[in-house]
């Protein structure tokens, strides 16, 4: 048999192919599977989203504030900073309970002085919910925000002069 006769004997089913530029139907999407987002991914997105809100202290701002407040110095401070970072005790901190495409979160932040606690907490709740919806297709039922410490923003601190 020649190759021409082989090609004629095969039947090809083109029903599964889509036309270029044509949007897939809802039935196609259901056949493809589902998205499962791990709890640690939700926590990572929540932490990153909280740091994007003005008035929330970043881990580096927390460290510099604790050192300025008279914290432990030298090698002991460096070891403590490394242990705190390794254990995940830096702020902002988050925890989540995920069930399917829904999540309940707790976010703990350090507030930068002189920002309003109520305004920043509301902004964190909204921003975390928005980012999770955008990045992980996850709906948030609740976002509980706890302000565990207040940190003076080093950029706004002025030294007093004696006149």
N, C-alpha and C. Protein backbone atom coordinates (compact mmCIF):
# COMPACT_ATOMS: atom_id res chain seq x y z
N UNK A 1 0.82 -1.18 0.00
CA UNK A 1 0.00 0.00 0.00
C UNK A 1 0.87 1.24 0.00
N UNK A 2 0.43 2.20 -0.71
CA UNK A 2 1.18 3.46 -0.76
C UNK A 2 0.70 4.37 0.37
N UNK A 3 1.45 5.43 0.61
CA UNK A 3 1.07 6.37 1.67
C UNK A 3 -0.21 7.10 1.33
N UNK A 4 -0.49 7.29 0.04
CA UNK A 4 -1.72 7.96 -0.37
C UNK A 4 -2.93 7.13 0.01
N UNK A 5 -2.84 5.82 -0.16
CA UNK A 5 -3.98 4.97 0.18
C UNK A 5 -4.14 4.85 1.70
N UNK A 6 -3.04 4.93 2.48
CA UNK A 6 -3.13 4.90 3.94
C UNK A 6 -3.88 6.12 4.44
N UNK A 7 -3.58 7.27 3.89
CA UNK A 7 -4.23 8.49 4.33
C UNK A 7 -5.71 8.48 3.98
N UNK A 8 -6.09 7.87 2.91
CA UNK A 8 -7.49 7.83 2.53
C UNK A 8 -8.27 6.87 3.40
N UNK A 9 -7.64 5.81 3.91
CA UNK A 9 -8.33 4.81 4.72
C UNK A 9 -8.63 5.29 6.14
N UNK A 10 -7.89 6.27 6.68
CA UNK A 10 -8.09 6.77 8.04
C UNK A 10 -9.26 7.73 8.10
N UNK A 11 -10.01 7.61 9.14
CA UNK A 11 -11.05 8.59 9.39
C UNK A 11 -10.57 9.50 10.51
N UNK A 12 -10.64 10.78 10.30
CA UNK A 12 -10.18 11.76 11.27
C UNK A 12 -11.39 12.47 11.85
N UNK A 13 -11.44 12.56 13.18
CA UNK A 13 -12.55 13.22 13.87
C UNK A 13 -12.10 14.63 14.24
N UNK A 14 -12.71 15.63 13.63
CA UNK A 14 -12.38 17.03 13.89
C UNK A 14 -13.37 17.69 14.84
N UNK A 15 -14.22 16.96 15.49
CA UNK A 15 -15.25 17.56 16.35
C UNK A 15 -14.66 18.20 17.61
N UNK A 16 -13.48 17.76 18.05
CA UNK A 16 -12.87 18.32 19.26
C UNK A 16 -12.09 19.61 19.00
N UNK A 17 -11.85 19.92 17.76
CA UNK A 17 -11.07 21.10 17.44
C UNK A 17 -11.94 22.34 17.49
N UNK A 18 -11.35 23.45 17.95
CA UNK A 18 -12.08 24.72 17.98
C UNK A 18 -11.58 25.60 16.86
N UNK A 19 -12.44 26.47 16.42
CA UNK A 19 -12.10 27.41 15.36
C UNK A 19 -11.34 28.56 15.99
N UNK A 20 -10.29 29.00 15.33
CA UNK A 20 -9.47 30.09 15.85
C UNK A 20 -10.33 31.33 16.03
N UNK A 21 -10.18 31.98 17.19
CA UNK A 21 -10.93 33.19 17.46
C UNK A 21 -12.29 32.93 18.10
N UNK A 22 -12.69 31.68 18.21
CA UNK A 22 -13.98 31.35 18.79
C UNK A 22 -13.78 31.06 20.28
N UNK A 23 -14.60 31.67 21.12
CA UNK A 23 -14.48 31.48 22.57
C UNK A 23 -14.98 30.11 22.96
N UNK A 24 -14.31 29.47 23.94
CA UNK A 24 -14.78 28.16 24.41
C UNK A 24 -16.11 28.32 25.13
N UNK A 25 -16.92 27.32 25.09
CA UNK A 25 -18.22 27.36 25.75
C UNK A 25 -18.09 26.97 27.21
N UNK A 26 -19.16 27.18 27.98
CA UNK A 26 -19.16 26.84 29.40
C UNK A 26 -18.97 25.33 29.60
N UNK A 27 -19.51 24.56 28.69
CA UNK A 27 -19.35 23.10 28.80
C UNK A 27 -17.89 22.72 28.64
N UNK A 28 -17.17 23.41 27.77
CA UNK A 28 -15.75 23.13 27.60
C UNK A 28 -14.98 23.42 28.89
N UNK A 29 -15.31 24.53 29.55
CA UNK A 29 -14.62 24.91 30.78
C UNK A 29 -14.87 23.89 31.88
N UNK A 30 -16.08 23.38 31.98
CA UNK A 30 -16.40 22.40 33.01
C UNK A 30 -15.67 21.08 32.78
N UNK A 31 -15.42 20.74 31.53
CA UNK A 31 -14.72 19.50 31.23
C UNK A 31 -13.24 19.56 31.56
N UNK A 32 -12.69 20.76 31.63
CA UNK A 32 -11.25 20.90 31.84
C UNK A 32 -10.82 20.66 33.28
N UNK A 33 -11.69 20.80 34.26
CA UNK A 33 -11.29 20.57 35.64
C UNK A 33 -11.59 21.77 36.50
N UNK A 34 -10.92 21.83 37.65
CA UNK A 34 -11.17 22.91 38.58
C UNK A 34 -9.87 23.41 39.18
N UNK A 35 -9.92 24.61 39.72
CA UNK A 35 -8.76 25.23 40.33
C UNK A 35 -8.82 25.04 41.83
N UNK A 36 -7.76 24.50 42.41
CA UNK A 36 -7.66 24.37 43.86
C UNK A 36 -6.46 25.18 44.31
N UNK A 37 -6.71 26.14 45.19
CA UNK A 37 -5.66 27.02 45.68
C UNK A 37 -5.28 26.56 47.09
N UNK A 38 -4.02 26.30 47.31
CA UNK A 38 -3.54 25.84 48.61
C UNK A 38 -3.64 26.96 49.64
N UNK A 39 -3.81 26.56 50.88
CA UNK A 39 -3.94 27.52 51.98
C UNK A 39 -2.71 28.42 52.09
N UNK A 40 -1.54 27.86 51.89
CA UNK A 40 -0.31 28.68 52.01
C UNK A 40 -0.23 29.73 50.91
N UNK A 41 -0.83 29.46 49.76
CA UNK A 41 -0.86 30.46 48.68
C UNK A 41 -1.78 31.61 49.06
N UNK A 42 -2.92 31.29 49.65
CA UNK A 42 -3.85 32.32 50.11
C UNK A 42 -3.18 33.19 51.17
N UNK A 43 -2.44 32.56 52.08
CA UNK A 43 -1.73 33.30 53.13
C UNK A 43 -0.67 34.22 52.52
N UNK A 44 0.08 33.72 51.56
CA UNK A 44 1.13 34.53 50.92
C UNK A 44 0.53 35.73 50.18
N UNK A 45 -0.57 35.52 49.49
CA UNK A 45 -1.23 36.62 48.79
C UNK A 45 -1.76 37.64 49.79
N UNK A 46 -2.33 37.17 50.89
CA UNK A 46 -2.86 38.08 51.92
C UNK A 46 -1.76 38.92 52.54
N UNK A 47 -0.63 38.31 52.85
CA UNK A 47 0.50 39.07 53.43
C UNK A 47 1.00 40.13 52.46
N UNK A 48 1.18 39.74 51.20
CA UNK A 48 1.66 40.69 50.20
C UNK A 48 0.66 41.82 50.00
N UNK A 49 -0.62 41.49 49.97
CA UNK A 49 -1.65 42.51 49.78
C UNK A 49 -1.68 43.48 50.95
N UNK A 50 -1.51 42.97 52.17
CA UNK A 50 -1.51 43.84 53.35
C UNK A 50 -0.35 44.83 53.30
N UNK A 51 0.81 44.39 52.83
CA UNK A 51 1.96 45.29 52.74
C UNK A 51 1.79 46.37 51.69
N UNK A 52 0.87 46.19 50.76
CA UNK A 52 0.62 47.19 49.71
C UNK A 52 -0.23 48.36 50.21
N UNK A 53 -0.86 48.20 51.36
CA UNK A 53 -1.76 49.24 51.89
C UNK A 53 -0.95 50.31 52.61
N UNK A 54 -1.15 51.59 52.28
CA UNK A 54 -0.46 52.66 52.99
C UNK A 54 -0.86 52.65 54.47
N UNK A 55 0.13 52.75 55.35
CA UNK A 55 -0.13 52.74 56.77
C UNK A 55 0.22 51.43 57.44
N UNK A 56 0.53 50.40 56.63
CA UNK A 56 0.95 49.10 57.17
C UNK A 56 2.47 49.05 57.13
N UNK A 57 3.07 48.75 58.28
CA UNK A 57 4.53 48.68 58.37
C UNK A 57 5.03 47.39 57.72
N UNK A 58 6.10 47.51 56.96
CA UNK A 58 6.74 46.35 56.35
C UNK A 58 7.65 45.69 57.39
N UNK A 59 8.10 44.46 57.15
CA UNK A 59 9.01 43.81 58.11
C UNK A 59 10.26 44.64 58.39
N UNK A 60 10.81 45.29 57.39
CA UNK A 60 12.02 46.09 57.63
C UNK A 60 11.72 47.31 58.49
N UNK A 61 10.55 47.90 58.35
CA UNK A 61 10.18 49.03 59.20
C UNK A 61 9.96 48.57 60.64
N UNK A 62 9.42 47.37 60.82
CA UNK A 62 9.24 46.82 62.16
C UNK A 62 10.58 46.60 62.84
N UNK A 63 11.56 46.06 62.08
CA UNK A 63 12.89 45.80 62.65
C UNK A 63 13.58 47.09 63.06
N UNK A 64 13.55 48.09 62.17
CA UNK A 64 14.24 49.34 62.48
C UNK A 64 13.58 50.05 63.65
N UNK A 65 12.27 49.91 63.79
CA UNK A 65 11.58 50.54 64.92
C UNK A 65 11.94 49.86 66.23
N UNK A 66 12.07 48.53 66.23
CA UNK A 66 12.41 47.83 67.47
C UNK A 66 13.85 48.14 67.88
N UNK A 67 14.73 48.31 66.91
CA UNK A 67 16.12 48.66 67.24
C UNK A 67 16.20 50.08 67.77
N UNK A 68 15.40 51.01 67.18
CA UNK A 68 15.39 52.39 67.63
C UNK A 68 14.79 52.53 69.03
N UNK A 69 13.91 51.60 69.39
CA UNK A 69 13.27 51.64 70.70
C UNK A 69 14.17 51.07 71.80
N UNK A 70 15.38 50.68 71.44
CA UNK A 70 16.31 50.19 72.44
C UNK A 70 16.30 48.68 72.57
N UNK A 71 16.09 48.02 71.48
CA UNK A 71 16.08 46.55 71.48
C UNK A 71 17.47 46.00 71.70
N UNK A 72 17.60 44.70 71.73
CA UNK A 72 18.88 44.03 71.93
C UNK A 72 19.78 44.35 70.75
N UNK A 73 21.05 44.55 71.02
CA UNK A 73 21.96 44.92 69.94
C UNK A 73 22.97 43.81 69.68
N UNK A 74 23.70 43.97 68.59
CA UNK A 74 24.79 43.06 68.28
C UNK A 74 24.34 41.74 67.70
N UNK A 75 25.16 40.70 67.97
CA UNK A 75 24.94 39.38 67.38
C UNK A 75 23.64 38.76 67.88
N UNK A 76 23.25 39.04 69.12
CA UNK A 76 22.00 38.50 69.67
C UNK A 76 20.81 39.02 68.87
N UNK A 77 20.84 40.28 68.49
CA UNK A 77 19.76 40.86 67.69
C UNK A 77 19.67 40.22 66.32
N UNK A 78 20.83 39.96 65.70
CA UNK A 78 20.84 39.34 64.37
C UNK A 78 20.28 37.92 64.43
N UNK A 79 20.65 37.17 65.45
CA UNK A 79 20.13 35.81 65.60
C UNK A 79 18.62 35.85 65.84
N UNK A 80 18.18 36.77 66.68
CA UNK A 80 16.75 36.90 66.96
C UNK A 80 15.97 37.27 65.71
N UNK A 81 16.52 38.18 64.89
CA UNK A 81 15.86 38.57 63.64
C UNK A 81 15.75 37.39 62.68
N UNK A 82 16.82 36.58 62.60
CA UNK A 82 16.80 35.43 61.69
C UNK A 82 15.80 34.37 62.17
N UNK A 83 15.75 34.14 63.48
CA UNK A 83 14.80 33.16 64.01
C UNK A 83 13.36 33.63 63.81
N UNK A 84 13.11 34.90 64.08
CA UNK A 84 11.77 35.45 63.89
C UNK A 84 11.33 35.33 62.45
N UNK A 85 12.22 35.63 61.54
CA UNK A 85 11.90 35.54 60.11
C UNK A 85 11.68 34.09 59.69
N UNK A 86 12.50 33.17 60.19
CA UNK A 86 12.40 31.76 59.81
C UNK A 86 11.10 31.13 60.33
N UNK A 87 10.68 31.52 61.50
CA UNK A 87 9.47 30.96 62.09
C UNK A 87 8.23 31.64 61.53
N UNK A 88 8.39 32.76 60.85
CA UNK A 88 7.25 33.44 60.26
C UNK A 88 6.55 34.36 61.24
N UNK A 89 7.30 34.94 62.15
CA UNK A 89 6.69 35.81 63.15
C UNK A 89 6.84 37.28 62.81
N UNK A 90 7.21 37.57 61.60
CA UNK A 90 7.30 38.97 61.20
C UNK A 90 5.92 39.46 60.81
N UNK A 91 5.70 40.73 60.96
CA UNK A 91 4.43 41.34 60.57
C UNK A 91 4.57 41.99 59.21
N UNK A 92 3.56 41.97 58.38
CA UNK A 92 2.25 41.38 58.61
C UNK A 92 2.28 39.87 58.56
N UNK A 93 1.36 39.28 59.32
CA UNK A 93 1.21 37.83 59.44
C UNK A 93 -0.22 37.49 59.04
N UNK A 94 -0.43 36.32 58.48
CA UNK A 94 -1.78 35.93 58.07
C UNK A 94 -1.99 34.45 58.32
N UNK A 95 -3.24 34.10 58.52
CA UNK A 95 -3.64 32.70 58.57
C UNK A 95 -4.96 32.58 57.84
N UNK A 96 -5.23 31.39 57.30
CA UNK A 96 -6.43 31.22 56.48
C UNK A 96 -7.05 29.85 56.68
N UNK A 97 -8.34 29.81 56.48
CA UNK A 97 -9.09 28.56 56.39
C UNK A 97 -9.73 28.57 55.02
N UNK A 98 -9.35 27.60 54.18
CA UNK A 98 -9.82 27.57 52.80
C UNK A 98 -10.69 26.34 52.59
N UNK A 99 -11.85 26.57 51.97
CA UNK A 99 -12.75 25.48 51.60
C UNK A 99 -13.23 25.75 50.18
N UNK A 100 -12.69 24.98 49.24
CA UNK A 100 -13.05 25.20 47.84
C UNK A 100 -12.54 26.54 47.36
N UNK A 101 -13.46 27.39 46.88
CA UNK A 101 -13.05 28.71 46.40
C UNK A 101 -13.41 29.81 47.39
N UNK A 102 -13.60 29.45 48.66
CA UNK A 102 -13.95 30.42 49.70
C UNK A 102 -12.88 30.37 50.80
N UNK A 103 -12.66 31.53 51.43
CA UNK A 103 -11.64 31.59 52.48
C UNK A 103 -12.06 32.53 53.59
N UNK A 104 -11.59 32.21 54.80
CA UNK A 104 -11.70 33.09 55.96
C UNK A 104 -10.29 33.38 56.40
N UNK A 105 -9.99 34.66 56.59
CA UNK A 105 -8.62 35.04 56.92
C UNK A 105 -8.52 35.85 58.19
N UNK A 106 -7.37 35.74 58.82
CA UNK A 106 -6.97 36.62 59.92
C UNK A 106 -5.64 37.24 59.51
N UNK A 107 -5.57 38.55 59.57
CA UNK A 107 -4.35 39.27 59.19
C UNK A 107 -3.93 40.13 60.37
N UNK A 108 -2.67 39.98 60.77
CA UNK A 108 -2.12 40.77 61.87
C UNK A 108 -1.09 41.73 61.30
N UNK A 109 -1.24 43.02 61.62
CA UNK A 109 -0.36 44.03 61.03
C UNK A 109 0.25 44.91 62.12
N UNK A 110 1.28 45.64 61.70
CA UNK A 110 1.85 46.72 62.51
C UNK A 110 1.44 48.01 61.81
N UNK A 111 0.87 48.92 62.57
CA UNK A 111 0.37 50.18 62.03
C UNK A 111 1.46 51.24 62.08
N UNK A 112 1.60 51.99 61.01
CA UNK A 112 2.54 53.12 61.00
C UNK A 112 1.86 54.34 61.61
N UNK A 113 2.51 54.92 62.59
CA UNK A 113 2.02 56.15 63.20
C UNK A 113 2.29 57.29 62.24
N UNK A 114 1.44 58.18 61.95
CA UNK A 114 0.18 58.59 62.58
C UNK A 114 -1.06 58.19 61.77
N UNK A 115 -1.06 57.06 61.07
CA UNK A 115 -2.22 56.64 60.28
C UNK A 115 -3.37 56.22 61.19
N UNK A 116 -4.58 56.38 60.69
CA UNK A 116 -5.79 56.00 61.42
C UNK A 116 -5.94 54.47 61.42
N UNK A 117 -6.11 53.90 62.60
CA UNK A 117 -6.24 52.45 62.72
C UNK A 117 -7.48 51.94 62.00
N UNK A 118 -8.59 52.61 62.15
CA UNK A 118 -9.84 52.17 61.51
C UNK A 118 -9.75 52.24 59.99
N UNK A 119 -9.15 53.30 59.49
CA UNK A 119 -9.02 53.47 58.04
C UNK A 119 -8.10 52.42 57.45
N UNK A 120 -6.97 52.18 58.09
CA UNK A 120 -6.00 51.20 57.59
C UNK A 120 -6.58 49.79 57.66
N UNK A 121 -7.25 49.45 58.76
CA UNK A 121 -7.84 48.11 58.89
C UNK A 121 -8.89 47.87 57.81
N UNK A 122 -9.73 48.86 57.54
CA UNK A 122 -10.74 48.73 56.49
C UNK A 122 -10.09 48.58 55.11
N UNK A 123 -9.02 49.34 54.88
CA UNK A 123 -8.31 49.26 53.60
C UNK A 123 -7.65 47.88 53.43
N UNK A 124 -7.10 47.34 54.51
CA UNK A 124 -6.48 46.01 54.45
C UNK A 124 -7.54 44.96 54.13
N UNK A 125 -8.69 45.02 54.81
CA UNK A 125 -9.78 44.07 54.54
C UNK A 125 -10.17 44.09 53.06
N UNK A 126 -10.39 45.28 52.53
CA UNK A 126 -10.83 45.41 51.14
C UNK A 126 -9.75 44.98 50.15
N UNK A 127 -8.50 45.38 50.41
CA UNK A 127 -7.42 45.08 49.47
C UNK A 127 -7.08 43.59 49.45
N UNK A 128 -7.09 42.95 50.61
CA UNK A 128 -6.83 41.51 50.67
C UNK A 128 -7.91 40.75 49.90
N UNK A 129 -9.17 41.12 50.10
CA UNK A 129 -10.28 40.46 49.40
C UNK A 129 -10.16 40.66 47.89
N UNK A 130 -9.79 41.86 47.47
CA UNK A 130 -9.64 42.15 46.04
C UNK A 130 -8.51 41.33 45.42
N UNK A 131 -7.35 41.30 46.08
CA UNK A 131 -6.21 40.56 45.55
C UNK A 131 -6.49 39.06 45.47
N UNK A 132 -7.16 38.51 46.47
CA UNK A 132 -7.48 37.08 46.43
C UNK A 132 -8.46 36.77 45.31
N UNK A 133 -9.39 37.67 45.07
CA UNK A 133 -10.32 37.47 43.97
C UNK A 133 -9.59 37.54 42.63
N UNK A 134 -8.65 38.48 42.49
CA UNK A 134 -7.91 38.66 41.24
C UNK A 134 -6.91 37.53 40.98
N UNK A 135 -6.11 37.19 41.99
CA UNK A 135 -4.99 36.29 41.79
C UNK A 135 -5.32 34.81 41.99
N UNK A 136 -6.31 34.52 42.85
CA UNK A 136 -6.56 33.12 43.18
C UNK A 136 -8.00 32.70 42.94
N UNK A 137 -8.82 33.57 42.38
CA UNK A 137 -10.24 33.28 42.14
C UNK A 137 -10.90 32.76 43.42
N UNK A 138 -10.55 33.40 44.55
CA UNK A 138 -11.06 32.99 45.85
C UNK A 138 -11.93 34.09 46.43
N UNK A 139 -13.09 33.72 46.91
CA UNK A 139 -14.00 34.67 47.56
C UNK A 139 -13.73 34.64 49.05
N UNK A 140 -13.60 35.81 49.64
CA UNK A 140 -13.33 35.88 51.07
C UNK A 140 -14.64 36.10 51.82
N UNK A 141 -14.90 35.25 52.80
CA UNK A 141 -16.07 35.42 53.64
C UNK A 141 -15.80 36.48 54.70
N UNK A 142 -14.64 36.38 55.34
CA UNK A 142 -14.24 37.38 56.34
C UNK A 142 -12.74 37.61 56.26
N UNK A 143 -12.36 38.83 56.58
CA UNK A 143 -10.94 39.17 56.76
C UNK A 143 -10.87 39.92 58.08
N UNK A 144 -10.42 39.25 59.12
CA UNK A 144 -10.28 39.86 60.43
C UNK A 144 -8.89 40.49 60.52
N UNK A 145 -8.84 41.78 60.80
CA UNK A 145 -7.57 42.50 60.87
C UNK A 145 -7.29 42.86 62.32
N UNK A 146 -6.11 42.49 62.79
CA UNK A 146 -5.66 42.81 64.14
C UNK A 146 -4.43 43.71 64.03
N UNK A 147 -4.47 44.83 64.74
CA UNK A 147 -3.30 45.71 64.80
C UNK A 147 -2.58 45.37 66.10
N UNK A 148 -1.43 44.71 65.98
CA UNK A 148 -0.75 44.23 67.19
C UNK A 148 0.27 45.21 67.73
N UNK A 149 0.71 46.14 66.91
CA UNK A 149 1.67 47.13 67.37
C UNK A 149 1.59 48.38 66.51
N UNK A 150 2.06 49.46 67.06
CA UNK A 150 2.12 50.73 66.33
C UNK A 150 3.58 51.11 66.23
N UNK A 151 4.01 51.42 65.01
CA UNK A 151 5.41 51.73 64.74
C UNK A 151 5.48 53.16 64.21
N UNK A 152 6.43 53.92 64.74
CA UNK A 152 6.62 55.28 64.24
C UNK A 152 7.34 55.21 62.90
N UNK A 153 6.79 55.88 61.91
CA UNK A 153 7.40 55.92 60.59
C UNK A 153 8.68 56.74 60.68
N UNK A 154 9.81 56.12 60.35
CA UNK A 154 11.11 56.77 60.47
C UNK A 154 11.25 57.98 59.55
N UNK A 155 10.49 57.99 58.45
CA UNK A 155 10.59 59.12 57.53
C UNK A 155 9.91 60.36 58.08
N UNK A 156 8.89 60.19 58.94
CA UNK A 156 8.18 61.34 59.49
C UNK A 156 8.74 61.79 60.82
N UNK A 157 9.66 61.01 61.38
CA UNK A 157 10.24 61.38 62.66
C UNK A 157 11.23 62.52 62.45
N UNK A 158 11.03 63.57 63.20
CA UNK A 158 11.95 64.71 63.13
C UNK A 158 12.65 64.84 64.45
N UNK A 159 13.88 65.26 64.40
CA UNK A 159 14.62 65.46 65.64
C UNK A 159 14.33 66.87 66.14
N UNK A 160 14.19 66.98 67.43
CA UNK A 160 13.90 68.29 68.00
C UNK A 160 15.20 69.05 68.22
N UNK A 161 15.13 70.30 67.93
CA UNK A 161 16.32 71.15 68.12
C UNK A 161 16.12 72.06 69.31
N UNK A 162 17.16 72.30 70.02
CA UNK A 162 17.11 73.25 71.11
C UNK A 162 17.39 74.62 70.52
N UNK A 163 16.53 75.55 70.83
CA UNK A 163 16.74 76.90 70.29
C UNK A 163 17.20 77.84 71.36
